[in-house]
């Protein structure tokens, strides 16, 4: 799962409108707070969030692989 965290971390951006890194992907401002808990932060304003913010996976308790598998089965017409 570490690989997934690193991949998602590269796509993160600060959503704090008063931050100098606001909405900038790949500016190098995103640091790791906890890879185990999928938490990152902005080096500019110190805002913190989980990498699943604003996604379908936010606040889910099940493993992402299980959710994807179920959605795949449903899309193929399986019950």
C-alpha atoms as a PDB file:
ATOM      1  CA  UNK A   1       0.000   0.000   0.000  1.00  0.00           C
ATOM      2  CA  UNK A   2       3.016   2.312   0.379  1.00  0.00           C
ATOM      3  CA  UNK A   3       3.221   2.504  -3.415  1.00  0.00           C
ATOM      4  CA  UNK A   4      -0.404   3.700  -3.621  1.00  0.00           C
ATOM      5  CA  UNK A   5       0.263   6.353  -0.980  1.00  0.00           C
ATOM      6  CA  UNK A   6       3.253   7.715  -2.890  1.00  0.00           C
ATOM      7  CA  UNK A   7       1.264   7.762  -6.138  1.00  0.00           C
ATOM      8  CA  UNK A   8      -1.678   9.615  -4.571  1.00  0.00           C
ATOM      9  CA  UNK A   9       0.637  12.000  -2.710  1.00  0.00           C
ATOM     10  CA  UNK A  10       2.027  13.251  -6.037  1.00  0.00           C
ATOM     11  CA  UNK A  11      -1.488  14.368  -7.007  1.00  0.00           C
ATOM     12  CA  UNK A  12      -2.188  16.327  -3.830  1.00  0.00           C
ATOM     13  CA  UNK A  13      -2.489  20.103  -3.637  1.00  0.00           C
ATOM     14  CA  UNK A  14      -3.246  22.672  -0.973  1.00  0.00           C
ATOM     15  CA  UNK A  15      -6.865  23.860  -0.907  1.00  0.00           C
ATOM     16  CA  UNK A  16      -6.207  26.754   1.474  1.00  0.00           C
ATOM     17  CA  UNK A  17      -6.918  29.844  -0.649  1.00  0.00           C
ATOM     18  CA  UNK A  18      -4.580  32.009   1.453  1.00  0.00           C
ATOM     19  CA  UNK A  19      -1.600  29.665   0.915  1.00  0.00           C
ATOM     20  CA  UNK A  20       1.073  30.518  -1.647  1.00  0.00           C
ATOM     21  CA  UNK A  21       0.861  26.894  -2.893  1.00  0.00           C
ATOM     22  CA  UNK A  22      -2.923  26.996  -3.372  1.00  0.00           C
ATOM     23  CA  UNK A  23      -4.073  24.592  -6.110  1.00  0.00           C
ATOM     24  CA  UNK A  24      -0.501  23.767  -7.249  1.00  0.00           C
ATOM     25  CA  UNK A  25       0.096  20.110  -8.048  1.00  0.00           C
ATOM     26  CA  UNK A  26       3.714  18.982  -8.117  1.00  0.00           C
ATOM     27  CA  UNK A  27       5.190  22.073  -6.485  1.00  0.00           C
ATOM     28  CA  UNK A  28       6.998  19.966  -3.884  1.00  0.00           C
ATOM     29  CA  UNK A  29       5.120  21.503  -0.996  1.00  0.00           C
ATOM     30  CA  UNK A  30       3.284  18.363   0.162  1.00  0.00           C
ATOM     31  CA  UNK A  31       4.887  16.535   3.072  1.00  0.00           C
ATOM     32  CA  UNK A  32       4.026  13.218   4.704  1.00  0.00           C
ATOM     33  CA  UNK A  33       2.428  13.387   8.125  1.00  0.00           C
ATOM     34  CA  UNK A  34       1.591   9.660   8.337  1.00  0.00           C
ATOM     35  CA  UNK A  35       1.731   7.216   5.429  1.00  0.00           C
ATOM     36  CA  UNK A  36       0.034   4.598   7.624  1.00  0.00           C
ATOM     37  CA  UNK A  37      -2.996   6.881   8.069  1.00  0.00           C
ATOM     38  CA  UNK A  38      -2.732   8.457   4.584  1.00  0.00           C
ATOM     39  CA  UNK A  39      -2.132  11.931   6.036  1.00  0.00           C
ATOM     40  CA  UNK A  40      -0.233  14.728   4.306  1.00  0.00           C
ATOM     41  CA  UNK A  41       0.369  18.415   4.957  1.00  0.00           C
ATOM     42  CA  UNK A  42       1.299  21.578   3.107  1.00  0.00           C
ATOM     43  CA  UNK A  43       4.783  22.971   3.829  1.00  0.00           C
ATOM     44  CA  UNK A  44       3.501  26.480   3.120  1.00  0.00           C
ATOM     45  CA  UNK A  45       0.531  26.837   5.466  1.00  0.00           C
ATOM     46  CA  UNK A  46       0.773  23.611   7.527  1.00  0.00           C
ATOM     47  CA  UNK A  47      -2.780  22.523   6.594  1.00  0.00           C
ATOM     48  CA  UNK A  48      -3.319  18.785   7.070  1.00  0.00           C
ATOM     49  CA  UNK A  49      -5.613  16.320   5.311  1.00  0.00           C
ATOM     50  CA  UNK A  50      -5.953  12.702   4.212  1.00  0.00           C
ATOM     51  CA  UNK A  51      -5.132  11.865   0.602  1.00  0.00           C
ATOM     52  CA  UNK A  52      -8.640  10.558  -0.042  1.00  0.00           C
ATOM     53  CA  UNK A  53     -10.249  13.969   0.560  1.00  0.00           C
ATOM     54  CA  UNK A  54     -12.915  14.819  -2.012  1.00  0.00           C
ATOM     55  CA  UNK A  55     -12.974  11.234  -3.317  1.00  0.00           C
ATOM     56  CA  UNK A  56     -15.352   8.309  -3.150  1.00  0.00           C
ATOM     57  CA  UNK A  57     -12.906   6.575  -0.773  1.00  0.00           C
ATOM     58  CA  UNK A  58     -12.975   9.307   1.865  1.00  0.00           C
ATOM     59  CA  UNK A  59     -13.936   7.972   5.307  1.00  0.00           C
ATOM     60  CA  UNK A  60     -14.533   4.391   4.112  1.00  0.00           C
ATOM     61  CA  UNK A  61     -13.573   1.699   6.604  1.00  0.00           C
ATOM     62  CA  UNK A  62     -13.120  -1.123   4.085  1.00  0.00           C
ATOM     63  CA  UNK A  63     -10.006  -1.750   2.038  1.00  0.00           C
ATOM     64  CA  UNK A  64      -9.925   0.068  -1.302  1.00  0.00           C
ATOM     65  CA  UNK A  65      -9.209  -3.214  -3.109  1.00  0.00           C
ATOM     66  CA  UNK A  66     -12.445  -4.731  -1.746  1.00  0.00           C
ATOM     67  CA  UNK A  67     -14.501  -1.710  -2.807  1.00  0.00           C
ATOM     68  CA  UNK A  68     -12.994  -1.760  -6.302  1.00  0.00           C
ATOM     69  CA  UNK A  69     -13.621  -5.496  -6.601  1.00  0.00           C
ATOM     70  CA  UNK A  70     -17.287  -5.104  -5.603  1.00  0.00           C
ATOM     71  CA  UNK A  71     -17.792  -2.198  -8.011  1.00  0.00           C
ATOM     72  CA  UNK A  72     -16.169  -4.204 -10.801  1.00  0.00           C
ATOM     73  CA  UNK A  73     -18.463  -7.174 -10.123  1.00  0.00           C
ATOM     74  CA  UNK A  74     -21.524  -4.918 -10.090  1.00  0.00           C
ATOM     75  CA  UNK A  75     -20.520  -3.273 -13.359  1.00  0.00           C
ATOM     76  CA  UNK A  76     -20.252  -6.749 -14.940  1.00  0.00           C
ATOM     77  CA  UNK A  77     -23.802  -7.595 -13.832  1.00  0.00           C
ATOM     78  CA  UNK A  78     -22.818  -9.915 -11.015  1.00  0.00           C
ATOM     79  CA  UNK A  79     -24.964  -9.841  -7.889  1.00  0.00           C
END
